[in-house]
């Protein structure tokens, strides 16, 4: 699903780190080594059809690499 984040992500939490991330080997192959964390937060998003919603978004993040693979888990 194509979407754009409008503004900042709030209520950010880390819910998996290191070996707790199932996709760790793939992340390292694609983006490189780093201290990977799986995070979630709330953000206002614009969907491909132009509608704007509040959504829970999840992503992977590592120091020096940044946010990767953002996805919408729930529209609120």
PDB file of N, CA and C in Angstrom:
ATOM      1  N   UNK A   1       0.845  -1.171   0.000  1.00  0.00           N
ATOM      2  CA  UNK A   1       0.000   0.000   0.000  1.00  0.00           C
ATOM      3  C   UNK A   1       0.892   1.237   0.000  1.00  0.00           C
ATOM      4  N   UNK A   2       0.635   2.130  -0.936  1.00  0.00           N
ATOM      5  CA  UNK A   2       1.390   3.372  -1.011  1.00  0.00           C
ATOM      6  C   UNK A   2       0.786   4.380  -0.042  1.00  0.00           C
ATOM      7  N   UNK A   3       1.632   5.064   0.728  1.00  0.00           N
ATOM      8  CA  UNK A   3       1.155   6.090   1.650  1.00  0.00           C
ATOM      9  C   UNK A   3       2.270   7.081   1.926  1.00  0.00           C
ATOM     10  N   UNK A   4       1.877   8.232   2.456  1.00  0.00           N
ATOM     11  CA  UNK A   4       2.823   9.288   2.804  1.00  0.00           C
ATOM     12  C   UNK A   4       2.555   9.692   4.242  1.00  0.00           C
ATOM     13  N   UNK A   5       3.601   9.836   5.027  1.00  0.00           N
ATOM     14  CA  UNK A   5       3.459  10.257   6.423  1.00  0.00           C
ATOM     15  C   UNK A   5       3.378  11.776   6.455  1.00  0.00           C
ATOM     16  N   UNK A   6       2.367  12.273   7.145  1.00  0.00           N
ATOM     17  CA  UNK A   6       2.175  13.720   7.287  1.00  0.00           C
ATOM     18  C   UNK A   6       2.561  14.101   8.713  1.00  0.00           C
ATOM     19  N   UNK A   7       3.546  14.927   8.883  1.00  0.00           N
ATOM     20  CA  UNK A   7       3.958  15.344  10.226  1.00  0.00           C
ATOM     21  C   UNK A   7       4.882  14.335  10.874  1.00  0.00           C
ATOM     22  N   UNK A   8       4.864  14.323  12.195  1.00  0.00           N
ATOM     23  CA  UNK A   8       5.762  13.466  12.965  1.00  0.00           C
ATOM     24  C   UNK A   8       5.056  12.220  13.459  1.00  0.00           C
ATOM     25  N   UNK A   9       5.833  11.199  13.778  1.00  0.00           N
ATOM     26  CA  UNK A   9       5.305   9.974  14.365  1.00  0.00           C
ATOM     27  C   UNK A   9       5.343  10.141  15.878  1.00  0.00           C
ATOM     28  N   UNK A  10       4.214   9.893  16.551  1.00  0.00           N
ATOM     29  CA  UNK A  10       4.142  10.062  18.006  1.00  0.00           C
ATOM     30  C   UNK A  10       3.975   8.705  18.684  1.00  0.00           C
ATOM     31  N   UNK A  11       4.095   8.694  19.987  1.00  0.00           N
ATOM     32  CA  UNK A  11       3.942   7.476  20.806  1.00  0.00           C
ATOM     33  C   UNK A  11       4.831   6.344  20.298  1.00  0.00           C
ATOM     34  N   UNK A  12       6.084   6.657  20.026  1.00  0.00           N
ATOM     35  CA  UNK A  12       7.014   5.666  19.464  1.00  0.00           C
ATOM     36  C   UNK A  12       7.450   4.684  20.543  1.00  0.00           C
ATOM     37  N   UNK A  13       7.396   3.389  20.220  1.00  0.00           N
ATOM     38  CA  UNK A  13       7.839   2.319  21.117  1.00  0.00           C
ATOM     39  C   UNK A  13       8.724   1.348  20.359  1.00  0.00           C
ATOM     40  N   UNK A  14       9.709   0.801  21.041  1.00  0.00           N
ATOM     41  CA  UNK A  14      10.494  -0.303  20.498  1.00  0.00           C
ATOM     42  C   UNK A  14       9.923  -1.584  21.067  1.00  0.00           C
ATOM     43  N   UNK A  15       9.583  -2.541  20.187  1.00  0.00           N
ATOM     44  CA  UNK A  15       9.018  -3.777  20.715  1.00  0.00           C
ATOM     45  C   UNK A  15       9.812  -5.014  20.342  1.00  0.00           C
ATOM     46  N   UNK A  16      10.909  -4.872  19.604  1.00  0.00           N
ATOM     47  CA  UNK A  16      11.804  -6.002  19.352  1.00  0.00           C
ATOM     48  C   UNK A  16      13.194  -5.447  19.027  1.00  0.00           C
ATOM     49  N   UNK A  17      14.231  -6.123  19.526  1.00  0.00           N
ATOM     50  CA  UNK A  17      15.606  -5.733  19.227  1.00  0.00           C
ATOM     51  C   UNK A  17      16.435  -6.976  18.956  1.00  0.00           C
ATOM     52  N   UNK A  18      17.524  -6.798  18.236  1.00  0.00           N
ATOM     53  CA  UNK A  18      18.494  -7.873  18.010  1.00  0.00           C
ATOM     54  C   UNK A  18      17.879  -9.175  17.561  1.00  0.00           C
ATOM     55  N   UNK A  19      18.143 -10.231  18.295  1.00  0.00           N
ATOM     56  CA  UNK A  19      17.691 -11.567  17.899  1.00  0.00           C
ATOM     57  C   UNK A  19      16.171 -11.729  18.018  1.00  0.00           C
ATOM     58  N   UNK A  20      15.478 -10.783  18.639  1.00  0.00           N
ATOM     59  CA  UNK A  20      14.027 -10.820  18.721  1.00  0.00           C
ATOM     60  C   UNK A  20      13.351 -10.466  17.402  1.00  0.00           C
ATOM     61  N   UNK A  21      14.125  -9.997  16.423  1.00  0.00           N
ATOM     62  CA  UNK A  21      13.594  -9.649  15.112  1.00  0.00           C
ATOM     63  C   UNK A  21      13.770 -10.848  14.186  1.00  0.00           C
ATOM     64  N   UNK A  22      12.666 -11.385  13.689  1.00  0.00           N
ATOM     65  CA  UNK A  22      12.710 -12.568  12.828  1.00  0.00           C
ATOM     66  C   UNK A  22      13.430 -12.321  11.516  1.00  0.00           C
ATOM     67  N   UNK A  23      13.389 -11.104  11.011  1.00  0.00           N
ATOM     68  CA  UNK A  23      13.942 -10.756   9.702  1.00  0.00           C
ATOM     69  C   UNK A  23      15.401 -10.271   9.788  1.00  0.00           C
ATOM     70  N   UNK A  24      16.077 -10.524  10.870  1.00  0.00           N
ATOM     71  CA  UNK A  24      17.410  -9.953  11.091  1.00  0.00           C
ATOM     72  C   UNK A  24      18.396 -10.270   9.974  1.00  0.00           C
ATOM     73  N   UNK A  25      18.473 -11.508   9.536  1.00  0.00           N
ATOM     74  CA  UNK A  25      19.467 -11.847   8.505  1.00  0.00           C
ATOM     75  C   UNK A  25      19.161 -11.125   7.196  1.00  0.00           C
ATOM     76  N   UNK A  26      17.893 -11.003   6.843  1.00  0.00           N
ATOM     77  CA  UNK A  26      17.525 -10.286   5.612  1.00  0.00           C
ATOM     78  C   UNK A  26      17.852  -8.795   5.725  1.00  0.00           C
ATOM     79  N   UNK A  27      17.572  -8.192   6.886  1.00  0.00           N
ATOM     80  CA  UNK A  27      17.884  -6.775   7.084  1.00  0.00           C
ATOM     81  C   UNK A  27      19.380  -6.521   6.933  1.00  0.00           C
ATOM     82  N   UNK A  28      20.187  -7.383   7.505  1.00  0.00           N
ATOM     83  CA  UNK A  28      21.644  -7.212   7.402  1.00  0.00           C
ATOM     84  C   UNK A  28      22.131  -7.379   5.973  1.00  0.00           C
ATOM     85  N   UNK A  29      21.544  -8.318   5.228  1.00  0.00           N
ATOM     86  CA  UNK A  29      21.942  -8.505   3.822  1.00  0.00           C
ATOM     87  C   UNK A  29      21.581  -7.296   2.971  1.00  0.00           C
ATOM     88  N   UNK A  30      20.377  -6.768   3.174  1.00  0.00           N
ATOM     89  CA  UNK A  30      19.882  -5.679   2.329  1.00  0.00           C
ATOM     90  C   UNK A  30      20.465  -4.327   2.726  1.00  0.00           C
ATOM     91  N   UNK A  31      20.498  -4.010   4.029  1.00  0.00           N
ATOM     92  CA  UNK A  31      20.868  -2.670   4.478  1.00  0.00           C
ATOM     93  C   UNK A  31      22.203  -2.592   5.208  1.00  0.00           C
ATOM     94  N   UNK A  32      22.751  -3.717   5.660  1.00  0.00           N
ATOM     95  CA  UNK A  32      24.021  -3.708   6.362  1.00  0.00           C
ATOM     96  C   UNK A  32      23.865  -3.937   7.856  1.00  0.00           C
ATOM     97  N   UNK A  33      25.009  -4.090   8.515  1.00  0.00           N
ATOM     98  CA  UNK A  33      25.008  -4.348   9.956  1.00  0.00           C
ATOM     99  C   UNK A  33      24.636  -3.073  10.700  1.00  0.00           C
ATOM    100  N   UNK A  34      24.010  -3.263  11.823  1.00  0.00           N
ATOM    101  CA  UNK A  34      23.609  -2.137  12.655  1.00  0.00           C
ATOM    102  C   UNK A  34      22.878  -2.667  13.872  1.00  0.00           C
ATOM    103  N   UNK A  35      22.552  -1.780  14.768  1.00  0.00           N
ATOM    104  CA  UNK A  35      21.772  -2.153  15.955  1.00  0.00           C
ATOM    105  C   UNK A  35      20.300  -2.014  15.585  1.00  0.00           C
ATOM    106  N   UNK A  36      19.727  -3.065  15.019  1.00  0.00           N
ATOM    107  CA  UNK A  36      18.374  -3.046  14.486  1.00  0.00           C
ATOM    108  C   UNK A  36      17.333  -3.131  15.588  1.00  0.00           C
ATOM    109  N   UNK A  37      16.284  -2.328  15.430  1.00  0.00           N
ATOM    110  CA  UNK A  37      15.142  -2.326  16.337  1.00  0.00           C
ATOM    111  C   UNK A  37      13.872  -2.315  15.503  1.00  0.00           C
ATOM    112  N   UNK A  38      12.848  -3.022  15.965  1.00  0.00           N
ATOM    113  CA  UNK A  38      11.531  -2.963  15.334  1.00  0.00           C
ATOM    114  C   UNK A  38      10.698  -2.025  16.188  1.00  0.00           C
ATOM    115  N   UNK A  39      10.116  -0.985  15.550  1.00  0.00           N
ATOM    116  CA  UNK A  39       9.435   0.061  16.301  1.00  0.00           C
ATOM    117  C   UNK A  39       8.031   0.287  15.767  1.00  0.00           C
ATOM    118  N   UNK A  40       7.207   0.940  16.596  1.00  0.00           N
ATOM    119  CA  UNK A  40       5.858   1.298  16.170  1.00  0.00           C
ATOM    120  C   UNK A  40       5.492   2.652  16.747  1.00  0.00           C
ATOM    121  N   UNK A  41       4.535   3.305  16.095  1.00  0.00           N
ATOM    122  CA  UNK A  41       4.065   4.598  16.553  1.00  0.00           C
ATOM    123  C   UNK A  41       2.798   5.000  15.828  1.00  0.00           C
ATOM    124  N   UNK A  42       2.265   6.157  16.199  1.00  0.00           N
ATOM    125  CA  UNK A  42       1.052   6.682  15.579  1.00  0.00           C
ATOM    126  C   UNK A  42       1.418   7.840  14.674  1.00  0.00           C
ATOM    127  N   UNK A  43       0.799   7.873  13.483  1.00  0.00           N
ATOM    128  CA  UNK A  43       1.081   8.946  12.532  1.00  0.00           C
ATOM    129  C   UNK A  43      -0.153   9.227  11.691  1.00  0.00           C
ATOM    130  N   UNK A  44      -0.259  10.462  11.239  1.00  0.00           N
ATOM    131  CA  UNK A  44      -1.291  10.817  10.281  1.00  0.00           C
ATOM    132  C   UNK A  44      -0.718  10.497   8.903  1.00  0.00           C
ATOM    133  N   UNK A  45      -1.472   9.727   8.097  1.00  0.00           N
ATOM    134  CA  UNK A  45      -0.980   9.280   6.791  1.00  0.00           C
ATOM    135  C   UNK A  45      -1.963   9.652   5.689  1.00  0.00           C
ATOM    136  N   UNK A  46      -1.422   9.897   4.492  1.00  0.00           N
ATOM    137  CA  UNK A  46      -2.241  10.118   3.303  1.00  0.00           C
ATOM    138  C   UNK A  46      -2.108   8.872   2.440  1.00  0.00           C
ATOM    139  N   UNK A  47      -3.224   8.227   2.155  1.00  0.00           N
ATOM    140  CA  UNK A  47      -3.234   7.025   1.337  1.00  0.00           C
ATOM    141  C   UNK A  47      -3.212   7.385  -0.145  1.00  0.00           C
ATOM    142  N   UNK A  48      -3.035   6.389  -1.011  1.00  0.00           N
ATOM    143  CA  UNK A  48      -2.943   6.605  -2.449  1.00  0.00           C
ATOM    144  C   UNK A  48      -4.206   7.251  -3.025  1.00  0.00           C
ATOM    145  N   UNK A  49      -5.356   6.998  -2.405  1.00  0.00           N
ATOM    146  CA  UNK A  49      -6.613   7.589  -2.901  1.00  0.00           C
ATOM    147  C   UNK A  49      -6.824   9.021  -2.415  1.00  0.00           C
ATOM    148  N   UNK A  50      -5.890   9.558  -1.634  1.00  0.00           N
ATOM    149  CA  UNK A  50      -5.959  10.936  -1.161  1.00  0.00           C
ATOM    150  C   UNK A  50      -6.576  11.107   0.216  1.00  0.00           C
ATOM    151  N   UNK A  51      -7.153  10.056   0.775  1.00  0.00           N
ATOM    152  CA  UNK A  51      -7.768  10.164   2.103  1.00  0.00           C
ATOM    153  C   UNK A  51      -6.695  10.227   3.181  1.00  0.00           C
ATOM    154  N   UNK A  52      -7.014  10.922   4.279  1.00  0.00           N
ATOM    155  CA  UNK A  52      -6.074  11.101   5.388  1.00  0.00           C
ATOM    156  C   UNK A  52      -6.637  10.384   6.609  1.00  0.00           C
ATOM    157  N   UNK A  53      -5.787   9.580   7.256  1.00  0.00           N
ATOM    158  CA  UNK A  53      -6.197   8.790   8.420  1.00  0.00           C
ATOM    159  C   UNK A  53      -5.114   8.834   9.488  1.00  0.00           C
ATOM    160  N   UNK A  54      -5.506   8.550  10.720  1.00  0.00           N
ATOM    161  CA  UNK A  54      -4.558   8.282  11.792  1.00  0.00           C
ATOM    162  C   UNK A  54      -4.285   6.783  11.732  1.00  0.00           C
ATOM    163  N   UNK A  55      -3.025   6.383  11.782  1.00  0.00           N
ATOM    164  CA  UNK A  55      -2.688   4.974  11.622  1.00  0.00           C
ATOM    165  C   UNK A  55      -1.569   4.571  12.566  1.00  0.00           C
ATOM    166  N   UNK A  56      -1.558   3.286  12.914  1.00  0.00           N
ATOM    167  CA  UNK A  56      -0.421   2.700  13.623  1.00  0.00           C
ATOM    168  C   UNK A  56       0.537   2.203  12.553  1.00  0.00           C
ATOM    169  N   UNK A  57       1.767   2.693  12.594  1.00  0.00           N
ATOM    170  CA  UNK A  57       2.777   2.290  11.612  1.00  0.00           C
ATOM    171  C   UNK A  57       3.901   1.534  12.302  1.00  0.00           C
ATOM    172  N   UNK A  58       4.471   0.563  11.610  1.00  0.00           N
ATOM    173  CA  UNK A  58       5.605  -0.216  12.098  1.00  0.00           C
ATOM    174  C   UNK A  58       6.754  -0.040  11.119  1.00  0.00           C
ATOM    175  N   UNK A  59       7.996  -0.105  11.631  1.00  0.00           N
ATOM    176  CA  UNK A  59       9.168  -0.006  10.779  1.00  0.00           C
ATOM    177  C   UNK A  59      10.368  -0.605  11.482  1.00  0.00           C
ATOM    178  N   UNK A  60      11.439  -0.807  10.698  1.00  0.00           N
ATOM    179  CA  UNK A  60      12.732  -1.239  11.225  1.00  0.00           C
ATOM    180  C   UNK A  60      13.634  -0.017  11.232  1.00  0.00           C
ATOM    181  N   UNK A  61      14.515   0.065  12.239  1.00  0.00           N
ATOM    182  CA  UNK A  61      15.386   1.229  12.365  1.00  0.00           C
ATOM    183  C   UNK A  61      16.733   0.801  12.927  1.00  0.00           C
ATOM    184  N   UNK A  62      17.794   1.388  12.405  1.00  0.00           N
ATOM    185  CA  UNK A  62      19.137   1.141  12.937  1.00  0.00           C
ATOM    186  C   UNK A  62      19.906   2.454  12.949  1.00  0.00           C
ATOM    187  N   UNK A  63      20.762   2.611  13.937  1.00  0.00           N
ATOM    188  CA  UNK A  63      21.596   3.796  14.045  1.00  0.00           C
ATOM    189  C   UNK A  63      22.490   3.907  12.824  1.00  0.00           C
ATOM    190  N   UNK A  64      22.524   5.072  12.221  1.00  0.00           N
ATOM    191  CA  UNK A  64      23.358   5.305  11.047  1.00  0.00           C
ATOM    192  C   UNK A  64      22.725   4.843   9.744  1.00  0.00           C
ATOM    193  N   UNK A  65      21.642   4.090   9.808  1.00  0.00           N
ATOM    194  CA  UNK A  65      20.964   3.593   8.608  1.00  0.00           C
ATOM    195  C   UNK A  65      19.607   4.270   8.459  1.00  0.00           C
ATOM    196  N   UNK A  66      18.897   4.443   9.571  1.00  0.00           N
ATOM    197  CA  UNK A  66      17.614   5.141   9.549  1.00  0.00           C
ATOM    198  C   UNK A  66      16.419   4.209   9.493  1.00  0.00           C
ATOM    199  N   UNK A  67      15.250   4.795   9.227  1.00  0.00           N
ATOM    200  CA  UNK A  67      13.998   4.038   9.153  1.00  0.00           C
ATOM    201  C   UNK A  67      13.899   3.323   7.819  1.00  0.00           C
ATOM    202  N   UNK A  68      13.502   2.079   7.862  1.00  0.00           N
ATOM    203  CA  UNK A  68      13.332   1.286   6.650  1.00  0.00           C
ATOM    204  C   UNK A  68      12.034   0.502   6.729  1.00  0.00           C
ATOM    205  N   UNK A  69      11.407   0.301   5.599  1.00  0.00           N
ATOM    206  CA  UNK A  69      10.243  -0.573   5.435  1.00  0.00           C
ATOM    207  C   UNK A  69       9.074  -0.197   6.325  1.00  0.00           C
ATOM    208  N   UNK A  70       8.630   1.049   6.237  1.00  0.00           N
ATOM    209  CA  UNK A  70       7.450   1.478   6.980  1.00  0.00           C
ATOM    210  C   UNK A  70       6.218   0.780   6.432  1.00  0.00           C
ATOM    211  N   UNK A  71       5.324   0.365   7.317  1.00  0.00           N
ATOM    212  CA  UNK A  71       4.064  -0.243   6.883  1.00  0.00           C
ATOM    213  C   UNK A  71       2.961   0.140   7.846  1.00  0.00           C
ATOM    214  N   UNK A  72       1.752   0.199   7.317  1.00  0.00           N
ATOM    215  CA  UNK A  72       0.574   0.503   8.125  1.00  0.00           C
ATOM    216  C   UNK A  72       0.051  -0.796   8.699  1.00  0.00           C
ATOM    217  N   UNK A  73      -0.115  -0.867  10.002  1.00  0.00           N
ATOM    218  CA  UNK A  73      -0.685  -2.044  10.639  1.00  0.00           C
ATOM    219  C   UNK A  73      -2.186  -1.872  10.858  1.00  0.00           C
ATOM    220  N   UNK A  74      -2.621  -0.691  11.307  1.00  0.00           N
ATOM    221  CA  UNK A  74      -4.035  -0.448  11.581  1.00  0.00           C
ATOM    222  C   UNK A  74      -4.378   0.996  11.240  1.00  0.00           C
ATOM    223  N   UNK A  75      -5.533   1.197  10.635  1.00  0.00           N
ATOM    224  CA  UNK A  75      -6.073   2.538  10.510  1.00  0.00           C
ATOM    225  C   UNK A  75      -6.953   2.783  11.723  1.00  0.00           C
ATOM    226  N   UNK A  76      -6.771   3.910  12.377  1.00  0.00           N
ATOM    227  CA  UNK A  76      -7.522   4.198  13.607  1.00  0.00           C
ATOM    228  C   UNK A  76      -8.635   5.210  13.348  1.00  0.00           C
TER     229      UNK A  76
END
